[in-house]
Protein backbone atom coordinates (compact mmCIF):
# COMPACT_ATOMS: atom_id res chain seq x y z
CA MET A 1 -96.90 -29.95 90.16
CA ASP A 2 -94.57 -26.80 89.51
CA GLU A 3 -90.83 -28.11 89.47
CA GLY A 4 -89.78 -24.91 91.40
CA ALA A 5 -92.43 -25.53 94.21
CA PRO A 6 -90.95 -27.00 97.58
CA LEU A 7 -90.82 -30.89 97.42
CA ILE A 8 -93.70 -31.10 100.37
CA GLU A 9 -96.07 -29.75 98.28
CA ARG A 10 -96.12 -33.17 95.89
CA PHE A 11 -97.64 -34.80 99.26
CA ASP A 12 -100.76 -34.41 101.55
CA ALA A 13 -99.24 -36.71 104.19
CA LEU A 14 -95.91 -37.84 105.28
CA LEU A 15 -95.42 -41.54 106.84
CA CYS A 16 -92.20 -41.02 108.79
CA ASP A 17 -90.03 -43.20 110.26
CA LEU A 18 -88.55 -42.37 114.01
CA ASP A 19 -85.21 -43.86 114.78
CA GLY A 20 -82.78 -42.37 112.16
CA VAL A 21 -85.17 -39.67 111.07
CA VAL A 22 -86.75 -37.83 113.62
CA TYR A 23 -84.19 -38.89 116.59
CA ALA A 24 -81.31 -41.51 117.66
CA GLY A 25 -81.75 -42.68 121.11
CA PRO A 26 -83.22 -40.08 123.22
CA HIS A 27 -81.97 -37.32 121.13
CA ALA A 28 -83.41 -35.44 117.99
CA ILE A 29 -81.75 -35.21 114.82
CA ASP A 30 -80.53 -31.79 114.02
CA GLY A 31 -83.48 -29.76 112.60
CA ALA A 32 -85.89 -32.82 112.27
CA PRO A 33 -88.60 -31.97 114.77
CA GLU A 34 -88.86 -28.32 113.43
CA ALA A 35 -89.04 -29.45 109.81
CA LEU A 36 -91.69 -31.78 111.01
CA ASP A 37 -93.54 -29.15 112.70
CA GLU A 38 -93.47 -26.85 109.60
CA VAL A 39 -95.20 -29.97 107.68
CA ARG A 40 -97.83 -30.08 110.18
CA ARG A 41 -98.39 -26.57 110.15
CA SER A 42 -98.60 -26.27 106.48
CA GLY A 43 -101.89 -28.26 106.96
CA ARG A 44 -100.24 -31.88 105.99
CA ALA A 45 -100.84 -34.72 108.24
CA VAL A 46 -97.43 -36.30 109.63
CA VAL A 47 -98.09 -40.03 110.60
CA TYR A 48 -95.16 -41.76 112.64
CA VAL A 49 -94.65 -45.33 111.45
CA THR A 50 -92.25 -47.34 113.62
CA ASN A 51 -90.99 -50.75 113.94
CA ASN A 52 -89.83 -50.09 117.40
CA ALA A 53 -92.29 -52.14 119.62
CA SER A 54 -90.63 -51.58 123.04
CA ARG A 55 -92.63 -48.46 123.89
CA PRO A 56 -96.51 -47.62 123.71
CA PRO A 57 -97.58 -45.24 121.14
CA SER A 58 -98.52 -42.66 123.79
CA ALA A 59 -94.63 -42.66 125.16
CA VAL A 60 -93.67 -42.22 121.38
CA ALA A 61 -95.93 -39.22 121.16
CA GLU A 62 -95.00 -37.50 124.43
CA HIS A 63 -91.13 -38.13 123.15
CA ILE A 64 -91.90 -36.50 119.67
CA SER A 65 -93.67 -33.73 121.05
CA ALA A 66 -91.00 -33.19 123.83
CA LEU A 67 -88.45 -32.82 120.97
CA GLY A 68 -90.49 -30.00 119.37
CA ALA A 69 -92.96 -31.59 117.01
CA PRO A 70 -96.27 -31.71 118.69
CA THR A 71 -98.43 -35.03 117.71
CA ARG A 72 -101.10 -37.10 118.85
CA VAL A 73 -101.01 -40.82 119.91
CA GLU A 74 -103.46 -41.66 117.02
CA HIS A 75 -100.86 -40.49 114.72
CA VAL A 76 -98.17 -42.95 115.68
CA VAL A 77 -98.54 -46.47 114.12
CA SER A 78 -96.28 -49.18 115.61
CA SER A 79 -95.16 -52.65 114.76
CA ALA A 80 -96.85 -53.82 117.97
CA GLN A 81 -100.16 -52.69 116.97
CA ALA A 82 -99.66 -54.35 113.62
CA ALA A 83 -98.51 -57.53 115.00
CA ALA A 84 -101.67 -57.58 117.26
CA THR A 85 -103.84 -56.89 114.72
CA LEU A 86 -102.44 -59.88 112.47
CA LEU A 87 -102.87 -62.18 115.58
CA ALA A 88 -106.43 -61.06 116.25
CA GLN A 89 -107.21 -61.68 112.59
CA ARG A 90 -105.67 -65.41 112.95
CA LEU A 91 -106.57 -66.45 116.34
CA ARG A 92 -109.76 -66.99 118.46
CA PRO A 93 -110.82 -64.34 121.06
CA ALA A 94 -109.07 -64.75 124.21
CA ALA A 95 -106.21 -66.93 122.91
CA ARG A 96 -103.04 -67.23 124.90
CA VAL A 97 -99.94 -65.75 123.20
CA LEU A 98 -96.62 -66.05 124.67
CA VAL A 99 -95.19 -62.48 124.56
CA THR A 100 -91.26 -62.10 123.98
CA GLY A 101 -90.84 -58.46 124.18
CA SER A 102 -92.17 -55.54 126.11
CA SER A 103 -94.96 -54.66 128.53
CA ALA A 104 -96.08 -52.10 125.57
CA LEU A 105 -96.29 -55.08 123.26
CA ALA A 106 -98.28 -57.20 125.84
CA ASP A 107 -100.68 -54.23 126.36
CA GLU A 108 -101.27 -54.25 122.57
CA ILE A 109 -102.22 -57.99 122.49
CA ARG A 110 -104.36 -57.61 125.26
CA GLY A 111 -106.07 -54.63 123.57
CA VAL A 112 -107.20 -56.98 120.81
CA GLY A 113 -108.76 -59.54 123.09
CA LEU A 114 -105.95 -62.05 123.09
CA VAL A 115 -104.20 -63.13 126.63
CA PRO A 116 -100.49 -62.35 127.18
CA VAL A 117 -98.40 -65.10 128.78
CA ASP A 118 -94.80 -65.61 129.62
CA SER A 119 -94.28 -69.24 129.75
CA GLN A 120 -94.90 -72.34 127.70
CA THR A 121 -96.42 -74.09 130.56
CA ASP A 122 -99.27 -71.53 130.27
CA ASP A 123 -100.10 -73.34 126.89
CA PRO A 124 -99.98 -70.29 124.41
CA VAL A 125 -101.10 -71.14 120.73
CA ALA A 126 -98.95 -68.04 119.57
CA VAL A 127 -95.59 -66.49 120.40
CA VAL A 128 -95.16 -62.68 119.23
CA GLN A 129 -91.61 -61.19 119.29
CA GLY A 130 -90.63 -57.47 119.83
CA PHE A 131 -87.62 -55.53 120.46
CA ASP A 132 -87.07 -54.95 124.04
CA PRO A 133 -83.31 -54.01 125.04
CA HIS A 134 -83.91 -55.94 128.44
CA LEU A 135 -84.67 -59.25 126.71
CA GLY A 136 -82.48 -62.13 127.83
CA TRP A 137 -81.50 -65.70 126.99
CA GLU A 138 -84.21 -67.02 129.14
CA GLN A 139 -86.95 -65.24 127.24
CA LEU A 140 -85.54 -66.17 123.89
CA ALA A 141 -85.09 -69.71 124.84
CA GLU A 142 -88.66 -69.85 125.92
CA ALA A 143 -89.92 -68.89 122.51
CA ALA A 144 -87.84 -71.46 121.10
CA PHE A 145 -89.16 -74.05 123.43
CA THR A 146 -92.75 -73.05 122.75
CA LEU A 147 -92.14 -72.92 118.66
CA ALA A 148 -91.05 -76.53 118.90
CA ASP A 149 -94.60 -77.33 118.47
CA GLU A 150 -94.98 -76.23 114.88
CA SER A 151 -99.11 -75.63 115.54
CA VAL A 152 -97.77 -72.62 117.26
CA LEU A 153 -98.34 -69.47 115.28
CA TRP A 154 -95.09 -66.96 115.21
CA CYS A 155 -95.42 -63.33 114.45
CA ALA A 156 -92.29 -60.93 114.66
CA THR A 157 -93.08 -57.18 115.02
CA ASN A 158 -90.19 -56.57 112.75
CA THR A 159 -87.07 -58.08 111.57
CA ASP A 160 -84.72 -54.70 111.58
CA ARG A 161 -81.09 -56.04 111.83
CA THR A 162 -80.04 -52.72 113.46
CA ILE A 163 -81.09 -49.83 115.22
CA PRO A 164 -79.47 -46.35 115.33
CA LYS A 165 -78.76 -45.09 118.89
CA GLU A 166 -76.92 -41.95 120.01
CA ARG A 167 -73.75 -43.73 120.07
CA GLY A 168 -73.73 -45.68 117.03
CA ILE A 169 -75.62 -48.53 115.26
CA ALA A 170 -77.02 -51.51 117.62
CA PRO A 171 -78.30 -54.73 117.03
CA GLY A 172 -82.29 -54.73 116.44
CA ASN A 173 -85.05 -56.99 116.77
CA GLY A 174 -83.85 -59.01 113.64
CA THR A 175 -80.77 -60.46 115.57
CA LEU A 176 -83.09 -61.67 118.50
CA VAL A 177 -85.54 -63.04 115.85
CA ALA A 178 -82.65 -64.91 114.28
CA ALA A 179 -81.59 -66.16 117.25
CA VAL A 180 -84.89 -67.90 118.02
CA ALA A 181 -85.23 -68.81 114.32
CA ALA A 182 -81.61 -70.75 114.57
CA ALA A 183 -82.77 -72.74 117.79
CA ALA A 184 -86.60 -73.55 116.48
CA GLY A 185 -85.85 -74.03 112.93
CA ARG A 186 -88.55 -71.79 111.71
CA GLU A 187 -89.13 -68.50 110.36
CA PRO A 188 -92.05 -65.70 111.71
CA LEU A 189 -94.71 -63.97 109.82
CA VAL A 190 -93.67 -60.24 110.11
CA ALA A 191 -96.25 -57.59 110.86
CA GLY A 192 -94.60 -54.46 110.66
CA LYS A 193 -92.12 -52.67 107.83
CA PRO A 194 -91.60 -53.69 105.24
CA GLU A 195 -94.76 -55.12 104.97
CA ALA A 196 -97.54 -53.01 102.96
CA PRO A 197 -100.36 -53.15 105.60
CA ILE A 198 -98.63 -50.76 108.19
CA PHE A 199 -98.34 -48.04 105.73
CA GLN A 200 -101.86 -48.43 104.33
CA GLU A 201 -102.90 -48.36 107.94
CA ALA A 202 -101.31 -45.08 108.34
CA ALA A 203 -102.34 -43.57 105.54
CA ASP A 204 -106.10 -44.39 106.12
CA ARG A 205 -105.98 -43.08 109.57
CA VAL A 206 -105.53 -39.49 107.92
CA GLY A 207 -107.16 -40.31 104.70
CA SER A 208 -104.18 -39.42 102.82
CA THR A 209 -104.50 -40.05 98.89
CA ARG A 210 -100.59 -38.56 98.34
CA PRO A 211 -98.65 -39.82 100.98
CA ALA A 212 -94.77 -40.33 100.86
CA VAL A 213 -93.00 -42.53 103.06
CA VAL A 214 -89.74 -41.10 104.85
CA GLY A 215 -87.13 -43.15 106.17
CA ASP A 216 -83.25 -43.68 106.61
CA ARG A 217 -83.41 -47.67 105.81
CA LEU A 218 -83.59 -49.23 102.36
CA ASP A 219 -84.71 -52.44 103.68
CA THR A 220 -87.84 -51.49 105.57
CA ASP A 221 -88.96 -48.12 104.98
CA ILE A 222 -88.28 -47.93 101.27
CA LEU A 223 -88.92 -51.42 100.33
CA GLY A 224 -92.01 -51.03 102.50
CA ALA A 225 -93.01 -47.94 100.19
CA HIS A 226 -92.55 -49.95 97.11
CA ASN A 227 -94.66 -52.66 98.62
CA ALA A 228 -97.42 -50.17 99.51
CA ARG A 229 -97.03 -48.68 96.22
CA MET A 230 -96.24 -45.42 97.60
CA ARG A 231 -93.55 -42.93 96.85
CA SER A 232 -90.46 -42.69 99.04
CA ILE A 233 -87.96 -40.23 100.63
CA GLU A 234 -84.66 -41.40 101.91
CA VAL A 235 -83.02 -39.14 104.33
CA LEU A 236 -79.42 -39.69 104.90
CA THR A 237 -79.40 -39.16 108.67
CA GLY A 238 -79.61 -42.74 109.74
CA VAL A 239 -78.53 -46.40 108.82
CA ASP A 240 -78.04 -45.99 105.11
CA SER A 241 -75.92 -44.13 103.18
CA ALA A 242 -75.61 -42.34 99.59
CA ALA A 243 -73.54 -45.23 98.82
CA THR A 244 -75.75 -48.01 99.66
CA VAL A 245 -78.86 -46.02 97.95
CA LEU A 246 -76.64 -46.04 94.99
CA ALA A 247 -76.23 -49.79 95.09
CA ALA A 248 -79.71 -50.75 96.04
CA CYS A 249 -81.68 -53.23 94.16
CA SER A 250 -84.47 -52.13 92.28
CA ALA A 251 -87.30 -52.57 95.13
CA GLN A 252 -85.34 -50.68 97.52
CA ARG A 253 -84.61 -47.50 95.39
CA PRO A 254 -86.16 -44.33 96.89
CA THR A 255 -88.24 -41.81 94.80
CA PHE A 256 -86.13 -38.73 96.29
CA LEU A 257 -83.07 -38.34 98.43
CA LEU A 258 -82.41 -35.79 100.96
CA GLY A 259 -79.59 -34.78 103.19
CA SER A 260 -81.91 -33.74 105.85
CA LEU A 261 -85.83 -32.98 106.52
CA ARG A 262 -84.89 -29.13 106.23
CA GLU A 263 -84.66 -29.72 102.22
CA LEU A 264 -88.68 -30.76 102.22
CA PHE A 265 -89.06 -26.91 102.09
CA GLU A 266 -86.83 -26.71 99.00
CA PRO A 267 -87.27 -27.25 95.27
CA TYR A 268 -86.20 -30.94 94.32
CA PRO A 269 -83.75 -30.45 91.37
CA ARG A 270 -85.11 -31.57 88.21
CA ILE A 271 -83.19 -34.64 87.09
CA THR A 272 -82.68 -35.57 83.29
CA VAL A 273 -81.48 -39.10 81.65
CA GLU A 274 -80.17 -40.01 78.19
CA HIS A 275 -79.15 -42.87 76.65
CA ARG A 276 -75.76 -42.64 74.61
CA GLY A 277 -75.21 -45.86 73.17
CA PRO A 278 -74.16 -48.34 75.31
CA GLY A 279 -74.09 -45.82 78.17
CA VAL A 280 -76.16 -43.56 80.46
CA ARG A 281 -76.06 -40.14 81.12
CA ALA A 282 -78.07 -38.17 83.90
CA THR A 283 -77.95 -34.57 85.21
CA CYS A 284 -79.08 -33.01 88.36
CA GLY A 285 -78.41 -29.46 88.61
CA ASP A 286 -74.69 -28.95 87.92
CA ALA A 287 -73.67 -32.30 88.47
CA VAL A 288 -73.25 -35.00 85.38
CA ALA A 289 -72.97 -38.65 85.90
CA ASP A 290 -72.15 -41.08 82.96
CA VAL A 291 -72.16 -44.66 83.19
CA GLU A 292 -70.02 -47.06 81.50
CA GLY A 293 -70.03 -50.88 82.15
CA ASP A 294 -69.67 -51.11 86.12
CA LEU A 295 -67.86 -47.31 86.42
CA VAL A 296 -70.01 -44.39 87.22
CA SER A 297 -68.08 -40.95 86.72
CA VAL A 298 -69.82 -38.04 88.47
CA ALA A 299 -68.60 -34.46 87.57
CA ALA A 300 -69.46 -32.80 90.65
CA GLU A 301 -67.84 -31.49 93.82
CA LYS A 302 -67.10 -34.90 95.79
CA ASP A 303 -70.01 -36.14 97.85
CA HIS A 304 -72.48 -33.41 96.66
CA LEU A 305 -75.82 -34.61 97.04
CA ASP A 306 -76.79 -33.50 93.59
CA GLY A 307 -73.65 -35.84 92.42
CA TRP A 308 -75.47 -38.76 94.16
CA ARG A 309 -78.65 -37.98 92.74
CA ALA A 310 -77.33 -37.90 89.32
CA ALA A 311 -75.26 -41.11 90.06
CA CYS A 312 -78.26 -42.74 91.19
CA ALA A 313 -80.32 -41.87 88.12
CA ALA A 314 -77.80 -42.86 85.54
CA TRP A 315 -77.02 -46.18 87.33
CA TRP A 316 -80.67 -47.17 88.16
CA ASN A 317 -81.39 -46.58 84.53
CA ALA A 318 -78.67 -48.82 83.43
CA HIS A 319 -79.64 -51.53 85.79
CA PRO A 320 -83.57 -51.16 85.99
CA ASP A 321 -84.40 -54.69 87.18
CA ALA A 322 -81.72 -55.63 89.66
CA GLU A 323 -83.08 -58.37 91.86
CA GLN A 324 -79.87 -57.84 94.35
CA PRO A 325 -77.65 -54.94 95.46
CA THR A 326 -75.41 -53.86 92.83
CA GLU A 327 -71.84 -53.15 92.90
CA PRO A 328 -71.07 -49.79 90.91
CA GLN A 329 -67.62 -48.40 90.90
CA LEU A 330 -67.67 -44.77 91.50
CA ARG A 331 -65.40 -41.98 90.53
CA TRP A 332 -65.66 -38.37 91.15
CA LYS A 333 -64.23 -35.81 88.61
CA ASP A 334 -63.50 -32.31 88.91
CA PRO A 335 -66.47 -30.46 87.51
CA SER A 336 -64.29 -27.56 85.87
């Protein structure tokens, strides 16, 4: 691939997160819908892969289209769908499932031939839990009471700790799952991101052989891409920052780092890495990053994206097998 070509030409499809990438709450992230529509018009597929199980795919498709990126319902893959598929594979037809979540999640359970219920007294054989901003203590308690029976299967659509909204970062489904887990003394199966099947289904829907996962979260989008053995693009419009990307463990390091989706149509800068005795140097554009011990020295205008890219390349090469997030000490230097 020509290094001078736009980044988007390296892929035949984007598997794109929603919250923090396309929109925050009801509002579009600046330039994101227009960029994704341009991807679609270039002949590449855009499939939206979301852990938000509170809305049906039809409503999600309508929202995305209204923001300026026309799409179809079959190009939305939700964690609610993934959870319903997982349960259908493990339960007999017409089995009863306690739904701790939205009506959209109940519809997905019904759609795979299972029976959604809302009480332990209905004798459910499984509990499925997904995000719903209207969930209260009574529903969480009902799930905990039901899960006291260890034979009851428990599936969570996702365990995202937070969710980006228009006013900031809010608690996500993971906080509600954690509350039930604390009461029940159990952990659920997880159907959505960062597990690989949801990404594989998304790629299969459009016949993609060169997909890229686009997301704002290291622990779901980027880890999920690693799990699915796909390339990944971290866009800095949502939860994670350039600093958390730099410190990421090996399994959560993205292939590419973008400030916004507009940069999909720009060439991605070439990054070179060289080992210098005990240290490592990386160059990206005019930015140079050197690693010595725990210190990353970056010669670039402070917070310039190429400086962060160089810093990541140098630090990651110095710490290639990090099982946990690292603690680099970053210092910006005058490039002159």
